[in-house]
Every structure is written in C-alpha cells, then in structure tokens.
Amino acid sequence: MTKGYATAAEAFDQVVEFLEYFEDLEDPRQRGKVLYPLDEILLLVLLGVLAGCESWVEMAKFGDKKLAVLRRFRPFKDGTPSHDQLGDIFRVLDAEQFQLCFIDWVAALTGLGTDIVAIDGKTLRRSYQEGGVPRHRST
C-alpha cells in the first residue's frame, strides 16, 4: 500500500469518528417524515466539500455519482437528497450547535484547542485594499 493512503478500515473508522462529533446535533425534522438520516447527510456534505463541491447542486450531483462509495459507510437506503432538500435540511439545523460540533471535530483532528482562531494573514498584512482589490498587480 502506498504511504499516505488510508485503508478501507481506517477510512471507515475516520467516518465513524467524524459522525460521533455530531451525535448531539439536534435534528429538528419530524421523525416520521425523515427520508434521509442526518448522519448520511453530514457524511455526504463532508465528502462533497472534500471533493470540491461548492453548492447544494454540486453536492446533490456528487451524491448521485458517488452513491456506491457513500454506501460503504452508511446505508443510504433512499439514495441521496436533492439540492433543494439539502438546503432545506441545513437551513433548519441550529447553526451554533453545528458550529460547536464542527469545532470540536477539527480541534480533535489538529490537536489544537477549541479556542484557537484562524486569521487570514493576507488581510492582516493589508495585501488587499478596500473593496478586495489587490494592492500590487502584475502588468
């Protein structure tokens, strides 16, 4: 095996660990009407972001194309949600609670505390003028 690549078992363990950080995230949807479990949605979005998805439309397309891969980790019995459903689900989640879960997960990955704040160094060095225009342009 090439160094740097996780085995299937290691990848599965990492997914399980990721989802454990979001176990306490409240799902405000009515239980009887939930077609897509929250853990499946969180996994889809995590992997979609890691694959470069930047919108709900891209996430939905990613889910359709990578359903077999997603099913290695969770059942995805009813497939993956549409872009509208993804947006609706994330819209009703408690953003502060989600942020706390996410920060705890990242802190565990990095070994840094949850009170660390990342600051964009370019902004601090004023490499951009007001309006986001670069100060130095090559001609």
C-alpha atoms as a PDB file:
ATOM      1  CA  MET A   1       0.000   0.000   0.000  1.00  0.00           C
ATOM      2  CA  THR A   2       1.228   3.479  -0.850  1.00  0.00           C
ATOM      3  CA  LYS A   3       2.126   5.643   2.098  1.00  0.00           C
ATOM      4  CA  GLY A   4      -0.445   8.385   2.716  1.00  0.00           C
ATOM      5  CA  TYR A   5      -3.486   6.393   1.623  1.00  0.00           C
ATOM      6  CA  ALA A   6      -5.870   5.116   4.257  1.00  0.00           C
ATOM      7  CA  THR A   7      -7.043   1.535   4.191  1.00  0.00           C
ATOM      8  CA  ALA A   8     -10.761   0.907   3.907  1.00  0.00           C
ATOM      9  CA  ALA A   9     -10.884   0.074   7.610  1.00  0.00           C
ATOM     10  CA  GLU A  10      -9.062   3.298   8.526  1.00  0.00           C
ATOM     11  CA  ALA A  11     -11.382   5.340   6.306  1.00  0.00           C
ATOM     12  CA  PHE A  12     -14.412   3.717   7.927  1.00  0.00           C
ATOM     13  CA  ASP A  13     -13.034   4.456  11.394  1.00  0.00           C
ATOM     14  CA  GLN A  14     -12.458   8.104  10.421  1.00  0.00           C
ATOM     15  CA  VAL A  15     -16.042   8.436   9.186  1.00  0.00           C
ATOM     16  CA  VAL A  16     -17.370   6.890  12.387  1.00  0.00           C
ATOM     17  CA  GLU A  17     -15.229   9.271  14.430  1.00  0.00           C
ATOM     18  CA  PHE A  18     -16.416  12.285  12.400  1.00  0.00           C
ATOM     19  CA  LEU A  19     -20.055  11.323  12.896  1.00  0.00           C
ATOM     20  CA  GLU A  20     -19.542  10.818  16.647  1.00  0.00           C
ATOM     21  CA  TYR A  21     -18.804  14.536  16.978  1.00  0.00           C
ATOM     22  CA  PHE A  22     -22.227  15.306  15.511  1.00  0.00           C
ATOM     23  CA  GLU A  23     -24.261  12.775  17.534  1.00  0.00           C
ATOM     24  CA  ASP A  24     -25.583  15.509  19.805  1.00  0.00           C
ATOM     25  CA  LEU A  25     -26.582  17.760  16.895  1.00  0.00           C
ATOM     26  CA  GLU A  26     -30.343  18.049  17.169  1.00  0.00           C
ATOM     27  CA  ASP A  27     -32.307  17.070  14.075  1.00  0.00           C
ATOM     28  CA  PRO A  28     -35.379  19.356  14.177  1.00  0.00           C
ATOM     29  CA  ARG A  29     -37.225  17.437  11.447  1.00  0.00           C
ATOM     30  CA  GLN A  30     -40.310  15.395  12.315  1.00  0.00           C
ATOM     31  CA  ARG A  31     -39.104  11.839  12.895  1.00  0.00           C
ATOM     32  CA  GLY A  32     -41.865  10.182  10.881  1.00  0.00           C
ATOM     33  CA  LYS A  33     -41.096  12.333   7.864  1.00  0.00           C
ATOM     34  CA  VAL A  34     -37.319  11.868   7.743  1.00  0.00           C
ATOM     35  CA  LEU A  35     -36.329  10.219   4.492  1.00  0.00           C
ATOM     36  CA  TYR A  36     -32.594  10.924   4.770  1.00  0.00           C
ATOM     37  CA  PRO A  37     -30.949  10.350   8.179  1.00  0.00           C
ATOM     38  CA  LEU A  38     -28.857  13.268   9.423  1.00  0.00           C
ATOM     39  CA  ASP A  39     -25.681  11.190   9.691  1.00  0.00           C
ATOM     40  CA  GLU A  40     -25.959  10.288   5.996  1.00  0.00           C
ATOM     41  CA  ILE A  41     -26.444  13.935   5.058  1.00  0.00           C
ATOM     42  CA  LEU A  42     -23.468  15.051   7.141  1.00  0.00           C
ATOM     43  CA  LEU A  43     -21.290  12.379   5.541  1.00  0.00           C
ATOM     44  CA  LEU A  44     -22.429  13.373   2.039  1.00  0.00           C
ATOM     45  CA  VAL A  45     -21.661  17.031   2.705  1.00  0.00           C
ATOM     46  CA  LEU A  46     -18.264  16.332   4.285  1.00  0.00           C
ATOM     47  CA  LEU A  47     -17.133  14.179   1.380  1.00  0.00           C
ATOM     48  CA  GLY A  48     -18.661  16.586  -1.115  1.00  0.00           C
ATOM     49  CA  VAL A  49     -16.755  19.520   0.358  1.00  0.00           C
ATOM     50  CA  LEU A  50     -13.544  17.497   0.383  1.00  0.00           C
ATOM     51  CA  ALA A  51     -14.168  16.688  -3.288  1.00  0.00           C
ATOM     52  CA  GLY A  52     -14.540  20.392  -4.094  1.00  0.00           C
ATOM     53  CA  CYS A  53     -18.317  20.856  -4.151  1.00  0.00           C
ATOM     54  CA  GLU A  54     -19.267  24.485  -3.570  1.00  0.00           C
ATOM     55  CA  SER A  55     -23.068  24.433  -3.777  1.00  0.00           C
ATOM     56  CA  TRP A  56     -26.042  22.280  -2.890  1.00  0.00           C
ATOM     57  CA  VAL A  57     -26.463  21.477  -6.582  1.00  0.00           C
ATOM     58  CA  GLU A  58     -22.896  20.177  -6.768  1.00  0.00           C
ATOM     59  CA  MET A  59     -23.418  18.206  -3.522  1.00  0.00           C
ATOM     60  CA  ALA A  60     -26.544  16.544  -4.923  1.00  0.00           C
ATOM     61  CA  LYS A  61     -24.746  15.627  -8.157  1.00  0.00           C
ATOM     62  CA  PHE A  62     -21.798  14.300  -6.158  1.00  0.00           C
ATOM     63  CA  GLY A  63     -24.169  12.170  -4.074  1.00  0.00           C
ATOM     64  CA  ASP A  64     -25.785  10.702  -7.175  1.00  0.00           C
ATOM     65  CA  LYS A  65     -22.450   9.878  -8.786  1.00  0.00           C
ATOM     66  CA  LYS A  66     -20.759   8.544  -5.650  1.00  0.00           C
ATOM     67  CA  LEU A  67     -23.658   6.657  -4.085  1.00  0.00           C
ATOM     68  CA  ALA A  68     -21.768   3.349  -4.173  1.00  0.00           C
ATOM     69  CA  VAL A  69     -18.859   4.928  -2.284  1.00  0.00           C
ATOM     70  CA  LEU A  70     -21.208   6.533   0.251  1.00  0.00           C
ATOM     71  CA  ARG A  71     -22.880   3.171   0.839  1.00  0.00           C
ATOM     72  CA  ARG A  72     -19.564   1.761   2.058  1.00  0.00           C
ATOM     73  CA  PHE A  73     -20.065   3.892   5.166  1.00  0.00           C
ATOM     74  CA  ARG A  74     -23.843   4.219   5.617  1.00  0.00           C
ATOM     75  CA  PRO A  75     -26.886   2.521   4.029  1.00  0.00           C
ATOM     76  CA  PHE A  76     -28.251   5.476   2.003  1.00  0.00           C
ATOM     77  CA  LYS A  77     -31.359   3.279   1.630  1.00  0.00           C
ATOM     78  CA  ASP A  78     -33.274   6.032  -0.178  1.00  0.00           C
ATOM     79  CA  GLY A  79     -30.309   7.399  -2.115  1.00  0.00           C
ATOM     80  CA  THR A  80     -29.184  10.966  -1.558  1.00  0.00           C
ATOM     81  CA  PRO A  81     -31.220  14.151  -1.189  1.00  0.00           C
ATOM     82  CA  SER A  82     -31.762  16.698  -3.945  1.00  0.00           C
ATOM     83  CA  HIS A  83     -30.121  20.104  -3.779  1.00  0.00           C
ATOM     84  CA  ASP A  84     -33.386  21.632  -2.519  1.00  0.00           C
ATOM     85  CA  GLN A  85     -33.647  19.047   0.254  1.00  0.00           C
ATOM     86  CA  LEU A  86     -30.028  19.611   1.300  1.00  0.00           C
ATOM     87  CA  GLY A  87     -30.598  23.352   1.541  1.00  0.00           C
ATOM     88  CA  ASP A  88     -33.827  22.860   3.489  1.00  0.00           C
ATOM     89  CA  ILE A  89     -32.190  20.454   5.943  1.00  0.00           C
ATOM     90  CA  PHE A  90     -29.220  22.698   6.651  1.00  0.00           C
ATOM     91  CA  ARG A  91     -31.496  25.714   6.934  1.00  0.00           C
ATOM     92  CA  VAL A  92     -33.341  24.178   9.911  1.00  0.00           C
ATOM     93  CA  LEU A  93     -30.245  22.957  11.759  1.00  0.00           C
ATOM     94  CA  ASP A  94     -29.108  25.015  14.731  1.00  0.00           C
ATOM     95  CA  ALA A  95     -26.079  26.833  13.302  1.00  0.00           C
ATOM     96  CA  GLU A  96     -24.446  27.430  16.682  1.00  0.00           C
ATOM     97  CA  GLN A  97     -24.827  23.795  17.699  1.00  0.00           C
ATOM     98  CA  PHE A  98     -23.454  22.671  14.315  1.00  0.00           C
ATOM     99  CA  GLN A  99     -20.516  25.059  14.697  1.00  0.00           C
ATOM    100  CA  LEU A 100     -19.665  23.672  18.136  1.00  0.00           C
ATOM    101  CA  CYS A 101     -19.720  20.092  16.828  1.00  0.00           C
ATOM    102  CA  PHE A 102     -17.564  21.087  13.867  1.00  0.00           C
ATOM    103  CA  ILE A 103     -15.049  22.984  16.019  1.00  0.00           C
ATOM    104  CA  ASP A 104     -14.744  20.027  18.388  1.00  0.00           C
ATOM    105  CA  TRP A 105     -14.081  17.694  15.437  1.00  0.00           C
ATOM    106  CA  VAL A 106     -11.464  19.991  13.889  1.00  0.00           C
ATOM    107  CA  ALA A 107      -9.799  20.516  17.275  1.00  0.00           C
ATOM    108  CA  ALA A 108      -9.529  16.752  17.707  1.00  0.00           C
ATOM    109  CA  LEU A 109      -8.028  16.388  14.221  1.00  0.00           C
ATOM    110  CA  THR A 110      -5.491  19.156  14.642  1.00  0.00           C
ATOM    111  CA  GLY A 111      -4.662  18.657  18.299  1.00  0.00           C
ATOM    112  CA  LEU A 112      -5.325  22.347  18.887  1.00  0.00           C
ATOM    113  CA  GLY A 113      -7.788  23.674  21.404  1.00  0.00           C
ATOM    114  CA  THR A 114     -11.271  24.822  20.502  1.00  0.00           C
ATOM    115  CA  ASP A 115     -10.347  28.396  21.384  1.00  0.00           C
ATOM    116  CA  ILE A 116      -7.854  28.790  18.506  1.00  0.00           C
ATOM    117  CA  VAL A 117      -8.991  31.323  15.928  1.00  0.00           C
ATOM    118  CA  ALA A 118      -7.502  31.185  12.429  1.00  0.00           C
ATOM    119  CA  ILE A 119      -6.915  34.596  10.906  1.00  0.00           C
ATOM    120  CA  ASP A 120      -6.210  35.287   7.257  1.00  0.00           C
ATOM    121  CA  GLY A 121      -2.638  36.593   7.187  1.00  0.00           C
ATOM    122  CA  LYS A 122      -3.127  38.391   3.888  1.00  0.00           C
ATOM    123  CA  THR A 123      -5.779  40.569   5.467  1.00  0.00           C
ATOM    124  CA  LEU A 124      -3.519  41.320   8.403  1.00  0.00           C
ATOM    125  CA  ARG A 125      -0.657  42.310   6.099  1.00  0.00           C
ATOM    126  CA  ARG A 126      -3.020  44.541   4.140  1.00  0.00           C
ATOM    127  CA  SER A 127      -2.175  42.897   0.855  1.00  0.00           C
ATOM    128  CA  TYR A 128      -5.660  43.879  -0.262  1.00  0.00           C
ATOM    129  CA  GLN A 129      -7.043  47.379  -0.469  1.00  0.00           C
ATOM    130  CA  GLU A 130     -10.614  48.251   0.324  1.00  0.00           C
ATOM    131  CA  GLY A 131     -13.029  46.533  -1.999  1.00  0.00           C
ATOM    132  CA  GLY A 132     -10.875  43.400  -2.233  1.00  0.00           C
ATOM    133  CA  VAL A 133      -8.642  44.757  -4.978  1.00  0.00           C
ATOM    134  CA  PRO A 134      -5.033  43.520  -4.850  1.00  0.00           C
ATOM    135  CA  ARG A 135      -2.587  46.249  -3.914  1.00  0.00           C
ATOM    136  CA  HIS A 136       0.109  45.068  -6.333  1.00  0.00           C
ATOM    137  CA  ARG A 137      -0.848  43.990  -9.816  1.00  0.00           C
ATOM    138  CA  SER A 138       1.465  42.469 -12.369  1.00  0.00           C
ATOM    139  CA  THR A 139       1.254  44.189 -15.741  1.00  0.00           C
END
